[in-house]
N, C-alpha and C. Protein backbone atom coordinates (compact mmCIF):
# COMPACT_ATOMS: atom_id res chain seq x y z
N UNK A 1 -41.56 46.45 22.42
CA UNK A 1 -40.34 46.95 21.78
C UNK A 1 -40.58 48.37 21.26
N UNK A 2 -39.64 49.26 21.48
CA UNK A 2 -39.81 50.65 21.10
C UNK A 2 -39.62 50.84 19.59
N UNK A 3 -40.19 51.96 19.09
CA UNK A 3 -40.03 52.27 17.67
C UNK A 3 -38.55 52.44 17.30
N UNK A 4 -37.78 53.06 18.19
CA UNK A 4 -36.36 53.29 17.91
C UNK A 4 -35.62 51.97 17.74
N UNK A 5 -35.95 51.00 18.56
CA UNK A 5 -35.28 49.70 18.46
C UNK A 5 -35.69 48.97 17.17
N UNK A 6 -36.95 49.10 16.79
CA UNK A 6 -37.40 48.47 15.55
C UNK A 6 -36.73 49.12 14.35
N UNK A 7 -36.56 50.46 14.40
CA UNK A 7 -35.82 51.14 13.32
C UNK A 7 -34.40 50.60 13.24
N UNK A 8 -33.77 50.39 14.41
CA UNK A 8 -32.41 49.88 14.44
C UNK A 8 -32.33 48.48 13.84
N UNK A 9 -33.24 47.60 14.25
CA UNK A 9 -33.26 46.23 13.72
C UNK A 9 -33.52 46.24 12.22
N UNK A 10 -34.47 47.07 11.79
CA UNK A 10 -34.79 47.15 10.36
C UNK A 10 -33.60 47.65 9.56
N UNK A 11 -32.94 48.69 10.08
CA UNK A 11 -31.77 49.22 9.39
C UNK A 11 -30.63 48.22 9.31
N UNK A 12 -30.35 47.56 10.41
CA UNK A 12 -29.26 46.57 10.42
C UNK A 12 -29.57 45.39 9.50
N UNK A 13 -30.81 44.94 9.50
CA UNK A 13 -31.16 43.81 8.64
C UNK A 13 -31.08 44.20 7.17
N UNK A 14 -31.42 45.45 6.83
CA UNK A 14 -31.29 45.91 5.45
C UNK A 14 -29.84 45.93 5.01
N UNK A 15 -28.96 46.43 5.86
CA UNK A 15 -27.53 46.47 5.53
C UNK A 15 -26.97 45.05 5.43
N UNK A 16 -27.35 44.19 6.37
CA UNK A 16 -26.86 42.80 6.36
C UNK A 16 -27.32 42.07 5.11
N UNK A 17 -28.57 42.26 4.73
CA UNK A 17 -29.10 41.62 3.52
C UNK A 17 -28.29 42.03 2.29
N UNK A 18 -28.03 43.32 2.17
CA UNK A 18 -27.32 43.82 0.99
C UNK A 18 -25.89 43.30 0.94
N UNK A 19 -25.22 43.29 2.09
CA UNK A 19 -23.84 42.81 2.12
C UNK A 19 -23.77 41.33 1.74
N UNK A 20 -24.66 40.52 2.31
CA UNK A 20 -24.64 39.10 1.99
C UNK A 20 -25.02 38.84 0.54
N UNK A 21 -25.98 39.62 0.03
CA UNK A 21 -26.38 39.46 -1.37
C UNK A 21 -25.27 39.82 -2.34
N UNK A 22 -24.59 40.94 -2.06
CA UNK A 22 -23.50 41.37 -2.93
C UNK A 22 -22.32 40.41 -2.84
N UNK A 23 -22.05 39.89 -1.64
CA UNK A 23 -20.93 38.96 -1.45
C UNK A 23 -21.17 37.63 -2.14
N UNK A 24 -22.43 37.29 -2.38
CA UNK A 24 -22.76 36.02 -3.03
C UNK A 24 -22.48 36.04 -4.52
N UNK A 25 -22.58 37.22 -5.14
CA UNK A 25 -22.46 37.32 -6.60
C UNK A 25 -21.18 36.70 -7.15
N UNK A 26 -19.97 36.97 -6.58
CA UNK A 26 -18.76 36.37 -7.14
C UNK A 26 -18.77 34.85 -7.16
N UNK A 27 -19.52 34.24 -6.24
CA UNK A 27 -19.55 32.78 -6.20
C UNK A 27 -20.18 32.18 -7.46
N UNK A 28 -21.04 32.96 -8.14
CA UNK A 28 -21.69 32.47 -9.35
C UNK A 28 -20.78 32.56 -10.57
N UNK A 29 -19.65 33.26 -10.46
CA UNK A 29 -18.79 33.47 -11.63
C UNK A 29 -17.37 32.95 -11.40
N UNK A 30 -17.18 32.16 -10.35
CA UNK A 30 -15.83 31.66 -10.05
C UNK A 30 -15.40 30.55 -10.99
N UNK A 31 -16.36 29.80 -11.53
CA UNK A 31 -16.04 28.64 -12.36
C UNK A 31 -16.73 28.75 -13.71
N UNK A 32 -15.99 28.49 -14.80
CA UNK A 32 -16.60 28.58 -16.13
C UNK A 32 -17.59 27.46 -16.41
N UNK A 33 -17.44 26.33 -15.72
CA UNK A 33 -18.34 25.20 -15.90
C UNK A 33 -19.11 24.92 -14.63
N UNK A 34 -19.56 23.68 -14.45
CA UNK A 34 -20.28 23.31 -13.23
C UNK A 34 -19.44 23.57 -11.98
N UNK A 35 -19.98 24.26 -10.99
CA UNK A 35 -19.21 24.55 -9.78
C UNK A 35 -19.17 23.36 -8.84
N UNK A 36 -18.17 23.29 -7.96
CA UNK A 36 -18.13 22.21 -6.98
C UNK A 36 -19.24 22.39 -5.94
N UNK A 37 -19.48 21.32 -5.20
CA UNK A 37 -20.59 21.34 -4.24
C UNK A 37 -20.41 22.43 -3.19
N UNK A 38 -19.17 22.64 -2.71
CA UNK A 38 -18.97 23.63 -1.66
C UNK A 38 -19.40 25.02 -2.11
N UNK A 39 -19.17 25.32 -3.39
CA UNK A 39 -19.54 26.63 -3.93
C UNK A 39 -21.05 26.83 -3.90
N UNK A 40 -21.78 25.82 -4.35
CA UNK A 40 -23.24 25.92 -4.39
C UNK A 40 -23.81 25.99 -2.98
N UNK A 41 -23.32 25.15 -2.09
CA UNK A 41 -23.84 25.15 -0.72
C UNK A 41 -23.51 26.46 0.00
N UNK A 42 -22.35 27.03 -0.29
CA UNK A 42 -21.97 28.29 0.35
C UNK A 42 -22.89 29.42 -0.08
N UNK A 43 -23.15 29.52 -1.39
CA UNK A 43 -24.03 30.60 -1.84
C UNK A 43 -25.47 30.35 -1.41
N UNK A 44 -25.86 29.09 -1.28
CA UNK A 44 -27.21 28.81 -0.78
C UNK A 44 -27.32 29.14 0.70
N UNK A 45 -26.27 28.87 1.47
CA UNK A 45 -26.27 29.22 2.89
C UNK A 45 -26.36 30.73 3.07
N UNK A 46 -25.63 31.47 2.24
CA UNK A 46 -25.69 32.93 2.30
C UNK A 46 -27.07 33.43 1.90
N UNK A 47 -27.70 32.73 0.97
CA UNK A 47 -29.05 33.10 0.57
C UNK A 47 -30.04 32.91 1.72
N UNK A 48 -29.82 31.88 2.53
CA UNK A 48 -30.69 31.67 3.69
C UNK A 48 -30.56 32.82 4.68
N UNK A 49 -29.33 33.29 4.89
CA UNK A 49 -29.13 34.44 5.77
C UNK A 49 -29.79 35.69 5.17
N UNK A 50 -29.70 35.84 3.85
CA UNK A 50 -30.34 36.99 3.19
C UNK A 50 -31.86 36.94 3.37
N UNK A 51 -32.43 35.77 3.25
CA UNK A 51 -33.88 35.63 3.43
C UNK A 51 -34.29 35.98 4.85
N UNK A 52 -33.49 35.56 5.82
CA UNK A 52 -33.77 35.91 7.21
C UNK A 52 -33.76 37.42 7.39
N UNK A 53 -32.76 38.08 6.82
CA UNK A 53 -32.66 39.54 6.92
C UNK A 53 -33.82 40.22 6.22
N UNK A 54 -34.25 39.66 5.08
CA UNK A 54 -35.36 40.27 4.35
C UNK A 54 -36.66 40.18 5.14
N UNK A 55 -36.88 39.07 5.84
CA UNK A 55 -38.07 38.95 6.68
C UNK A 55 -38.09 40.06 7.73
N UNK A 56 -36.95 40.27 8.39
CA UNK A 56 -36.86 41.32 9.41
C UNK A 56 -37.05 42.70 8.78
N UNK A 57 -36.47 42.91 7.59
CA UNK A 57 -36.54 44.22 6.96
C UNK A 57 -37.97 44.58 6.56
N UNK A 58 -38.65 43.69 5.84
CA UNK A 58 -39.99 44.03 5.35
C UNK A 58 -40.98 44.12 6.52
N UNK A 59 -40.79 43.29 7.53
CA UNK A 59 -41.67 43.37 8.70
C UNK A 59 -41.46 44.68 9.45
N UNK A 60 -40.19 45.05 9.63
CA UNK A 60 -39.89 46.29 10.34
C UNK A 60 -40.34 47.53 9.59
N UNK A 61 -40.07 47.58 8.27
CA UNK A 61 -40.45 48.77 7.51
C UNK A 61 -41.97 48.90 7.41
N UNK A 62 -42.66 47.79 7.23
CA UNK A 62 -44.13 47.86 7.18
C UNK A 62 -44.69 48.31 8.53
N UNK A 63 -44.08 47.89 9.61
CA UNK A 63 -44.50 48.35 10.94
C UNK A 63 -44.32 49.86 11.07
N UNK A 64 -43.18 50.38 10.63
CA UNK A 64 -42.91 51.81 10.74
C UNK A 64 -43.88 52.62 9.89
N UNK A 65 -44.24 52.08 8.73
CA UNK A 65 -45.22 52.76 7.88
C UNK A 65 -46.57 52.83 8.59
N UNK A 66 -46.98 51.73 9.19
CA UNK A 66 -48.26 51.72 9.92
C UNK A 66 -48.23 52.67 11.11
N UNK A 67 -47.10 52.74 11.80
CA UNK A 67 -46.97 53.60 12.96
C UNK A 67 -47.07 55.07 12.58
N UNK A 68 -46.63 55.42 11.39
CA UNK A 68 -46.72 56.81 10.96
C UNK A 68 -48.17 57.25 10.85
N UNK A 69 -48.98 56.43 10.22
CA UNK A 69 -50.39 56.79 10.02
C UNK A 69 -51.17 55.53 9.67
N UNK A 70 -52.24 55.29 10.38
CA UNK A 70 -53.06 54.10 10.13
C UNK A 70 -53.66 54.09 8.74
N UNK A 71 -53.69 55.25 8.08
CA UNK A 71 -54.24 55.34 6.72
C UNK A 71 -53.40 54.54 5.73
N UNK A 72 -52.14 54.25 6.08
CA UNK A 72 -51.25 53.52 5.18
C UNK A 72 -51.16 52.04 5.52
N UNK A 73 -52.11 51.56 6.30
CA UNK A 73 -52.15 50.15 6.69
C UNK A 73 -52.19 49.23 5.47
N UNK A 74 -53.04 49.56 4.49
CA UNK A 74 -53.18 48.69 3.32
C UNK A 74 -51.89 48.66 2.50
N UNK A 75 -51.29 49.82 2.30
CA UNK A 75 -50.03 49.89 1.54
C UNK A 75 -48.94 49.09 2.26
N UNK A 76 -48.87 49.24 3.57
CA UNK A 76 -47.88 48.48 4.35
C UNK A 76 -48.13 46.98 4.23
N UNK A 77 -49.39 46.58 4.19
CA UNK A 77 -49.71 45.16 4.07
C UNK A 77 -49.32 44.62 2.70
N UNK A 78 -49.51 45.41 1.65
CA UNK A 78 -49.09 44.99 0.31
C UNK A 78 -47.58 44.79 0.27
N UNK A 79 -46.84 45.76 0.81
CA UNK A 79 -45.37 45.65 0.86
C UNK A 79 -44.95 44.42 1.65
N UNK A 80 -45.56 44.23 2.82
CA UNK A 80 -45.20 43.10 3.67
C UNK A 80 -45.54 41.77 3.02
N UNK A 81 -46.74 41.67 2.42
CA UNK A 81 -47.16 40.43 1.79
C UNK A 81 -46.28 40.06 0.61
N UNK A 82 -45.98 41.04 -0.24
CA UNK A 82 -45.12 40.77 -1.40
C UNK A 82 -43.72 40.39 -0.95
N UNK A 83 -43.25 41.03 0.12
CA UNK A 83 -41.92 40.71 0.62
C UNK A 83 -41.82 39.29 1.14
N UNK A 84 -42.83 38.86 1.88
CA UNK A 84 -42.81 37.49 2.41
C UNK A 84 -42.97 36.47 1.29
N UNK A 85 -43.78 36.79 0.27
CA UNK A 85 -43.88 35.89 -0.88
C UNK A 85 -42.53 35.79 -1.59
N UNK A 86 -41.82 36.91 -1.70
CA UNK A 86 -40.48 36.91 -2.30
C UNK A 86 -39.57 35.96 -1.53
N UNK A 87 -39.63 36.04 -0.20
CA UNK A 87 -38.81 35.15 0.62
C UNK A 87 -39.18 33.69 0.37
N UNK A 88 -40.48 33.40 0.31
CA UNK A 88 -40.92 32.03 0.07
C UNK A 88 -40.41 31.49 -1.26
N UNK A 89 -40.52 32.30 -2.31
CA UNK A 89 -40.02 31.89 -3.63
C UNK A 89 -38.51 31.69 -3.58
N UNK A 90 -37.81 32.60 -2.91
CA UNK A 90 -36.35 32.48 -2.82
C UNK A 90 -35.94 31.21 -2.11
N UNK A 91 -36.66 30.84 -1.06
CA UNK A 91 -36.31 29.62 -0.31
C UNK A 91 -36.55 28.37 -1.15
N UNK A 92 -37.63 28.36 -1.91
CA UNK A 92 -37.88 27.22 -2.79
C UNK A 92 -36.79 27.14 -3.86
N UNK A 93 -36.40 28.29 -4.42
CA UNK A 93 -35.36 28.31 -5.44
C UNK A 93 -34.03 27.80 -4.90
N UNK A 94 -33.70 28.20 -3.68
CA UNK A 94 -32.47 27.72 -3.04
C UNK A 94 -32.53 26.21 -2.85
N UNK A 95 -33.68 25.71 -2.43
CA UNK A 95 -33.83 24.27 -2.23
C UNK A 95 -33.66 23.50 -3.53
N UNK A 96 -34.24 24.01 -4.61
CA UNK A 96 -34.11 23.33 -5.90
C UNK A 96 -32.66 23.36 -6.39
N UNK A 97 -31.98 24.49 -6.16
CA UNK A 97 -30.58 24.58 -6.58
C UNK A 97 -29.72 23.58 -5.82
N UNK A 98 -29.91 23.52 -4.52
CA UNK A 98 -29.16 22.55 -3.72
C UNK A 98 -29.54 21.12 -4.11
N UNK A 99 -30.79 20.91 -4.53
CA UNK A 99 -31.23 19.58 -4.92
C UNK A 99 -30.46 19.03 -6.10
N UNK A 100 -30.07 19.91 -7.03
CA UNK A 100 -29.26 19.45 -8.17
C UNK A 100 -27.93 18.90 -7.69
N UNK A 101 -27.32 19.57 -6.70
CA UNK A 101 -26.03 19.13 -6.18
C UNK A 101 -26.18 17.83 -5.39
N UNK A 102 -27.26 17.73 -4.62
CA UNK A 102 -27.49 16.47 -3.90
C UNK A 102 -27.66 15.31 -4.88
N UNK A 103 -28.26 15.59 -6.03
CA UNK A 103 -28.46 14.54 -7.03
C UNK A 103 -27.22 14.23 -7.82
N UNK A 104 -26.30 15.20 -7.93
CA UNK A 104 -25.04 14.99 -8.67
C UNK A 104 -23.88 15.55 -7.86
N UNK A 105 -23.52 14.92 -6.75
CA UNK A 105 -22.47 15.45 -5.87
C UNK A 105 -21.09 15.45 -6.49
N UNK A 106 -20.93 14.80 -7.66
CA UNK A 106 -19.62 14.76 -8.30
C UNK A 106 -19.31 16.06 -9.04
N UNK A 107 -20.22 17.02 -9.03
CA UNK A 107 -19.97 18.30 -9.67
C UNK A 107 -20.11 18.32 -11.17
N UNK A 108 -20.86 17.38 -11.74
CA UNK A 108 -21.00 17.31 -13.19
C UNK A 108 -22.14 18.19 -13.71
N UNK A 109 -22.98 18.71 -12.81
CA UNK A 109 -24.11 19.53 -13.23
C UNK A 109 -24.00 20.93 -12.64
N UNK A 110 -24.39 21.91 -13.43
CA UNK A 110 -24.47 23.29 -12.96
C UNK A 110 -25.92 23.55 -12.57
N UNK A 111 -26.21 23.80 -11.29
CA UNK A 111 -27.61 23.92 -10.85
C UNK A 111 -28.35 25.11 -11.42
N UNK A 112 -27.63 26.05 -12.04
CA UNK A 112 -28.31 27.19 -12.64
C UNK A 112 -28.86 26.89 -14.03
N UNK A 113 -28.30 25.88 -14.71
CA UNK A 113 -28.73 25.62 -16.09
C UNK A 113 -28.96 24.14 -16.39
N UNK A 114 -28.48 23.21 -15.56
CA UNK A 114 -28.54 21.79 -15.88
C UNK A 114 -29.59 21.07 -15.03
N UNK A 115 -30.24 20.08 -15.63
CA UNK A 115 -31.16 19.23 -14.91
C UNK A 115 -32.57 19.78 -14.84
N UNK A 116 -33.57 18.91 -14.58
CA UNK A 116 -34.97 19.34 -14.52
C UNK A 116 -35.23 20.34 -13.40
N UNK A 117 -34.49 20.26 -12.29
CA UNK A 117 -34.70 21.22 -11.21
C UNK A 117 -34.27 22.62 -11.62
N UNK A 118 -33.25 22.69 -12.48
CA UNK A 118 -32.81 24.00 -12.96
C UNK A 118 -33.90 24.65 -13.81
N UNK A 119 -34.54 23.85 -14.66
CA UNK A 119 -35.63 24.38 -15.48
C UNK A 119 -36.80 24.84 -14.61
N UNK A 120 -37.06 24.09 -13.53
CA UNK A 120 -38.15 24.47 -12.62
C UNK A 120 -37.82 25.75 -11.87
N UNK A 121 -36.55 26.09 -11.81
CA UNK A 121 -36.08 27.25 -11.06
C UNK A 121 -36.12 28.54 -11.87
N UNK A 122 -36.27 28.42 -13.18
CA UNK A 122 -36.08 29.58 -14.06
C UNK A 122 -37.03 30.72 -13.74
N UNK A 123 -38.32 30.45 -13.70
CA UNK A 123 -39.28 31.53 -13.44
C UNK A 123 -39.14 32.08 -12.03
N UNK A 124 -38.76 31.24 -11.08
CA UNK A 124 -38.60 31.73 -9.71
C UNK A 124 -37.44 32.72 -9.61
N UNK A 125 -36.37 32.45 -10.34
CA UNK A 125 -35.23 33.35 -10.32
C UNK A 125 -35.43 34.56 -11.24
N UNK A 126 -36.38 34.44 -12.17
CA UNK A 126 -36.59 35.51 -13.14
C UNK A 126 -37.90 36.23 -12.96
N UNK A 127 -38.89 35.89 -13.78
CA UNK A 127 -40.13 36.66 -13.87
C UNK A 127 -40.88 36.77 -12.55
N UNK A 128 -40.93 35.70 -11.77
CA UNK A 128 -41.69 35.75 -10.52
C UNK A 128 -41.05 36.74 -9.54
N UNK A 129 -39.74 36.66 -9.37
CA UNK A 129 -39.06 37.59 -8.47
C UNK A 129 -39.16 39.02 -8.98
N UNK A 130 -39.10 39.20 -10.30
CA UNK A 130 -39.19 40.56 -10.85
C UNK A 130 -40.58 41.15 -10.57
N UNK A 131 -41.63 40.32 -10.70
CA UNK A 131 -42.99 40.79 -10.44
C UNK A 131 -43.16 41.16 -8.97
N UNK A 132 -42.71 40.29 -8.07
CA UNK A 132 -42.85 40.56 -6.65
C UNK A 132 -42.03 41.78 -6.23
N UNK A 133 -40.86 41.94 -6.84
CA UNK A 133 -40.04 43.12 -6.55
C UNK A 133 -40.76 44.39 -6.97
N UNK A 134 -41.38 44.36 -8.14
CA UNK A 134 -42.11 45.54 -8.62
C UNK A 134 -43.25 45.89 -7.67
N UNK A 135 -44.01 44.88 -7.21
CA UNK A 135 -45.11 45.13 -6.28
C UNK A 135 -44.59 45.71 -4.97
N UNK A 136 -43.53 45.10 -4.43
CA UNK A 136 -42.93 45.60 -3.20
C UNK A 136 -42.53 47.06 -3.31
N UNK A 137 -41.84 47.40 -4.39
CA UNK A 137 -41.26 48.73 -4.49
C UNK A 137 -42.28 49.80 -4.85
N UNK A 138 -43.33 49.44 -5.58
CA UNK A 138 -44.40 50.41 -5.82
C UNK A 138 -45.05 50.78 -4.49
N UNK A 139 -45.36 49.78 -3.68
CA UNK A 139 -45.96 50.04 -2.37
C UNK A 139 -45.00 50.82 -1.47
N UNK A 140 -43.73 50.41 -1.45
CA UNK A 140 -42.75 51.10 -0.61
C UNK A 140 -42.52 52.53 -1.08
N UNK A 141 -42.44 52.72 -2.40
CA UNK A 141 -42.24 54.06 -2.93
C UNK A 141 -43.38 54.99 -2.56
N UNK A 142 -44.61 54.51 -2.69
CA UNK A 142 -45.78 55.30 -2.32
C UNK A 142 -45.71 55.68 -0.84
N UNK A 143 -45.40 54.71 0.01
CA UNK A 143 -45.35 54.95 1.45
C UNK A 143 -44.24 55.94 1.81
N UNK A 144 -43.08 55.79 1.20
CA UNK A 144 -41.97 56.69 1.51
C UNK A 144 -42.30 58.13 1.12
N UNK A 145 -42.89 58.32 -0.05
CA UNK A 145 -43.23 59.66 -0.50
C UNK A 145 -44.31 60.30 0.37
N UNK A 146 -45.19 59.49 0.94
CA UNK A 146 -46.26 60.03 1.78
C UNK A 146 -45.83 60.23 3.23
N UNK A 147 -44.94 59.39 3.71
CA UNK A 147 -44.59 59.44 5.13
C UNK A 147 -43.26 60.15 5.41
N UNK A 148 -42.32 60.05 4.48
CA UNK A 148 -41.01 60.65 4.72
C UNK A 148 -40.21 59.95 5.80
N UNK A 149 -40.48 58.66 6.05
CA UNK A 149 -39.73 57.96 7.10
C UNK A 149 -38.27 57.75 6.70
N UNK A 150 -37.98 57.82 5.42
CA UNK A 150 -36.61 57.88 4.89
C UNK A 150 -36.63 58.98 3.82
N UNK A 151 -35.46 59.46 3.37
CA UNK A 151 -35.45 60.52 2.36
C UNK A 151 -36.33 60.22 1.16
N UNK A 152 -37.05 61.23 0.69
CA UNK A 152 -38.07 61.02 -0.34
C UNK A 152 -37.49 60.58 -1.69
N UNK A 153 -36.22 60.88 -1.92
CA UNK A 153 -35.65 60.42 -3.19
C UNK A 153 -35.65 58.89 -3.29
N UNK A 154 -35.66 58.23 -2.14
CA UNK A 154 -35.72 56.77 -2.14
C UNK A 154 -37.09 56.28 -2.61
N UNK A 155 -38.12 57.08 -2.40
CA UNK A 155 -39.43 56.74 -2.93
C UNK A 155 -39.45 56.80 -4.45
N UNK A 156 -38.85 57.86 -5.02
CA UNK A 156 -38.76 57.97 -6.47
C UNK A 156 -37.89 56.84 -7.05
N UNK A 157 -36.78 56.53 -6.34
CA UNK A 157 -35.91 55.45 -6.79
C UNK A 157 -36.66 54.12 -6.79
N UNK A 158 -37.52 53.91 -5.80
CA UNK A 158 -38.30 52.68 -5.73
C UNK A 158 -39.20 52.53 -6.95
N UNK A 159 -39.82 53.63 -7.39
CA UNK A 159 -40.67 53.58 -8.58
C UNK A 159 -39.86 53.22 -9.83
N UNK A 160 -38.68 53.82 -9.96
CA UNK A 160 -37.85 53.56 -11.14
C UNK A 160 -37.41 52.10 -11.17
N UNK A 161 -36.95 51.58 -10.03
CA UNK A 161 -36.49 50.20 -9.97
C UNK A 161 -37.66 49.24 -10.19
N UNK A 162 -38.84 49.59 -9.68
CA UNK A 162 -40.03 48.77 -9.90
C UNK A 162 -40.35 48.68 -11.38
N UNK A 163 -40.28 49.80 -12.09
CA UNK A 163 -40.56 49.80 -13.52
C UNK A 163 -39.53 48.96 -14.27
N UNK A 164 -38.26 49.04 -13.86
CA UNK A 164 -37.20 48.25 -14.49
C UNK A 164 -37.46 46.76 -14.29
N UNK A 165 -37.90 46.38 -13.09
CA UNK A 165 -38.21 44.98 -12.82
C UNK A 165 -39.42 44.52 -13.62
N UNK A 166 -40.44 45.37 -13.71
CA UNK A 166 -41.63 45.00 -14.48
C UNK A 166 -41.29 44.76 -15.95
N UNK A 167 -40.30 45.48 -16.45
CA UNK A 167 -39.86 45.33 -17.83
C UNK A 167 -39.37 43.91 -18.12
N UNK A 168 -38.85 43.23 -17.09
CA UNK A 168 -38.30 41.89 -17.28
C UNK A 168 -39.31 40.77 -17.04
N UNK A 169 -40.51 41.09 -16.59
CA UNK A 169 -41.50 40.04 -16.33
C UNK A 169 -41.80 39.20 -17.58
N UNK A 170 -41.95 39.81 -18.79
CA UNK A 170 -42.25 38.99 -19.98
C UNK A 170 -41.04 38.26 -20.56
N UNK A 171 -39.90 38.27 -19.87
CA UNK A 171 -38.67 37.69 -20.42
C UNK A 171 -38.79 36.19 -20.66
N UNK A 172 -39.81 35.54 -20.11
CA UNK A 172 -39.99 34.10 -20.30
C UNK A 172 -40.18 33.73 -21.77
N UNK A 173 -40.57 34.70 -22.60
CA UNK A 173 -40.79 34.44 -24.03
C UNK A 173 -39.48 34.41 -24.82
N UNK A 174 -38.35 34.71 -24.20
CA UNK A 174 -37.11 34.90 -24.94
C UNK A 174 -36.04 33.88 -24.59
N UNK A 175 -36.48 32.66 -24.30
CA UNK A 175 -35.53 31.56 -24.11
C UNK A 175 -34.86 31.58 -22.75
N UNK A 176 -33.90 30.65 -22.59
CA UNK A 176 -33.21 30.52 -21.30
C UNK A 176 -31.69 30.57 -21.45
N UNK A 177 -31.24 31.35 -22.42
CA UNK A 177 -29.80 31.53 -22.59
C UNK A 177 -29.29 32.49 -21.52
N UNK A 178 -28.49 31.97 -20.59
CA UNK A 178 -28.02 32.79 -19.48
C UNK A 178 -27.05 33.87 -19.91
N UNK A 179 -26.48 33.77 -21.11
CA UNK A 179 -25.52 34.78 -21.58
C UNK A 179 -26.20 35.98 -22.22
N UNK A 180 -27.52 35.88 -22.45
CA UNK A 180 -28.25 37.00 -23.04
C UNK A 180 -28.73 37.96 -21.96
N UNK A 181 -28.79 39.23 -22.30
CA UNK A 181 -29.26 40.23 -21.34
C UNK A 181 -30.73 40.03 -21.03
N UNK A 182 -31.55 39.84 -22.07
CA UNK A 182 -32.99 39.72 -21.86
C UNK A 182 -33.44 38.33 -22.26
N UNK A 183 -33.50 37.46 -21.26
CA UNK A 183 -34.06 36.11 -21.44
C UNK A 183 -34.61 35.68 -20.10
N UNK A 184 -35.24 34.51 -20.06
CA UNK A 184 -35.89 34.06 -18.84
C UNK A 184 -34.94 33.96 -17.66
N UNK A 185 -33.67 33.64 -17.94
CA UNK A 185 -32.66 33.51 -16.88
C UNK A 185 -31.39 34.26 -17.28
N UNK A 186 -31.52 35.23 -18.17
CA UNK A 186 -30.38 36.00 -18.64
C UNK A 186 -29.73 36.82 -17.54
N UNK A 187 -28.48 37.24 -17.79
CA UNK A 187 -27.74 37.96 -16.74
C UNK A 187 -28.38 39.32 -16.43
N UNK A 188 -29.02 39.92 -17.40
CA UNK A 188 -29.70 41.18 -17.15
C UNK A 188 -30.90 41.01 -16.25
N UNK A 189 -31.54 39.86 -16.34
CA UNK A 189 -32.74 39.56 -15.57
C UNK A 189 -32.41 39.11 -14.16
N UNK A 190 -31.62 38.07 -14.04
CA UNK A 190 -31.40 37.43 -12.75
C UNK A 190 -30.27 38.05 -11.93
N UNK A 191 -29.40 38.83 -12.55
CA UNK A 191 -28.27 39.41 -11.82
C UNK A 191 -28.32 40.94 -11.82
N UNK A 192 -28.25 41.55 -13.00
CA UNK A 192 -28.18 43.00 -13.08
C UNK A 192 -29.43 43.67 -12.51
N UNK A 193 -30.58 43.29 -13.01
CA UNK A 193 -31.83 43.89 -12.55
C UNK A 193 -32.08 43.57 -11.08
N UNK A 194 -31.82 42.35 -10.68
CA UNK A 194 -32.08 41.93 -9.30
C UNK A 194 -31.23 42.70 -8.31
N UNK A 195 -30.03 43.14 -8.72
CA UNK A 195 -29.13 43.80 -7.79
C UNK A 195 -29.66 45.15 -7.30
N UNK A 196 -30.52 45.79 -8.08
CA UNK A 196 -31.00 47.11 -7.69
C UNK A 196 -31.87 47.06 -6.45
N UNK A 197 -32.57 45.95 -6.22
CA UNK A 197 -33.35 45.80 -4.99
C UNK A 197 -32.41 45.82 -3.79
N UNK A 198 -31.29 45.11 -3.90
CA UNK A 198 -30.33 45.07 -2.79
C UNK A 198 -29.76 46.46 -2.52
N UNK A 199 -29.46 47.22 -3.58
CA UNK A 199 -28.92 48.57 -3.40
C UNK A 199 -29.95 49.48 -2.74
N UNK A 200 -31.22 49.34 -3.14
CA UNK A 200 -32.28 50.16 -2.56
C UNK A 200 -32.45 49.83 -1.08
N UNK A 201 -32.46 48.54 -0.75
CA UNK A 201 -32.60 48.14 0.65
C UNK A 201 -31.40 48.63 1.46
N UNK A 202 -30.21 48.59 0.88
CA UNK A 202 -29.03 49.10 1.57
C UNK A 202 -29.19 50.58 1.88
N UNK A 203 -29.66 51.36 0.91
CA UNK A 203 -29.85 52.79 1.11
C UNK A 203 -30.87 53.06 2.21
N UNK A 204 -31.97 52.33 2.19
CA UNK A 204 -33.01 52.50 3.21
C UNK A 204 -32.47 52.10 4.58
N UNK A 205 -31.74 50.99 4.62
CA UNK A 205 -31.17 50.54 5.89
C UNK A 205 -30.24 51.57 6.50
N UNK A 206 -29.37 52.16 5.69
CA UNK A 206 -28.45 53.19 6.17
C UNK A 206 -29.23 54.42 6.64
N UNK A 207 -30.26 54.80 5.88
CA UNK A 207 -31.07 55.96 6.25
C UNK A 207 -31.76 55.74 7.60
N UNK A 208 -32.26 54.54 7.83
CA UNK A 208 -32.92 54.24 9.10
C UNK A 208 -31.93 54.28 10.26
N UNK A 209 -30.70 53.84 10.02
CA UNK A 209 -29.69 53.87 11.07
C UNK A 209 -29.22 55.29 11.37
N UNK A 210 -29.24 56.14 10.35
CA UNK A 210 -28.78 57.52 10.53
C UNK A 210 -29.86 58.43 11.09
N UNK A 211 -31.11 58.03 10.99
CA UNK A 211 -32.22 58.83 11.49
C UNK A 211 -32.91 58.04 12.59
N UNK A 212 -32.51 58.23 13.84
CA UNK A 212 -33.04 57.43 14.94
C UNK A 212 -34.56 57.39 15.00
N UNK A 213 -35.17 58.52 14.62
CA UNK A 213 -36.63 58.54 14.60
C UNK A 213 -37.07 59.69 13.73
N UNK A 214 -38.00 59.42 12.81
CA UNK A 214 -38.48 60.47 11.93
C UNK A 214 -39.21 61.52 12.75
N UNK A 215 -38.90 62.79 12.46
CA UNK A 215 -39.51 63.88 13.21
C UNK A 215 -41.01 63.91 13.03
N UNK A 216 -41.46 63.40 11.88
CA UNK A 216 -42.89 63.46 11.59
C UNK A 216 -43.65 62.22 12.02
N UNK A 217 -42.99 61.27 12.72
CA UNK A 217 -43.66 60.05 13.12
C UNK A 217 -44.84 60.36 14.03
N UNK A 218 -45.97 59.79 13.75
CA UNK A 218 -47.13 59.99 14.59
C UNK A 218 -47.98 58.73 14.59
N UNK A 219 -48.84 58.62 15.52
CA UNK A 219 -49.75 57.47 15.62
C UNK A 219 -51.17 57.99 15.49
N UNK A 220 -51.94 57.39 14.58
CA UNK A 220 -53.34 57.79 14.41
C UNK A 220 -54.21 56.85 15.24
């Protein structure tokens, strides 16, 4: 497969991931109480598509980083490894969320806050994802600034978003009130902060689609 085609696949998967992620957000706020089963299963299905896109995105971008210069092999591996771990955690979290609905199909439980599976999901949706996001973006930011495979401002943006995510890693000490900005599962942690990764991936995806091939691409 040619580098140009991999750039295309990586760009499209980044855009697809962001669109599906952003489209899922309203599903979490449609109901003031426990949502019906169709709502939970729909957002979980969309999450599965997002995970598929993320696998393609991190694999493609890490490949392009390696193709630029073999000296960045380790950085690309860190980005790729953290990205796949993020996907693994996300898939387990989706399974636990759906598990609450399978256990209470009458819609009496909210899988984000009710039941033992919801408690088991808290760190996966909060601190663990924030830590993996920070690792991913530090590696990606370094690679972007060194290689220029996408505009360099995206490298600086990656560092800023990584620092913001790292700020939320200790949120586990501040309870599990979802209405608080800074808590283990607060809206600032699991929704606001998490959204910046999707925006960054969207920007990178568009940049890859607009730049068929970096002029500085080389193979060592």
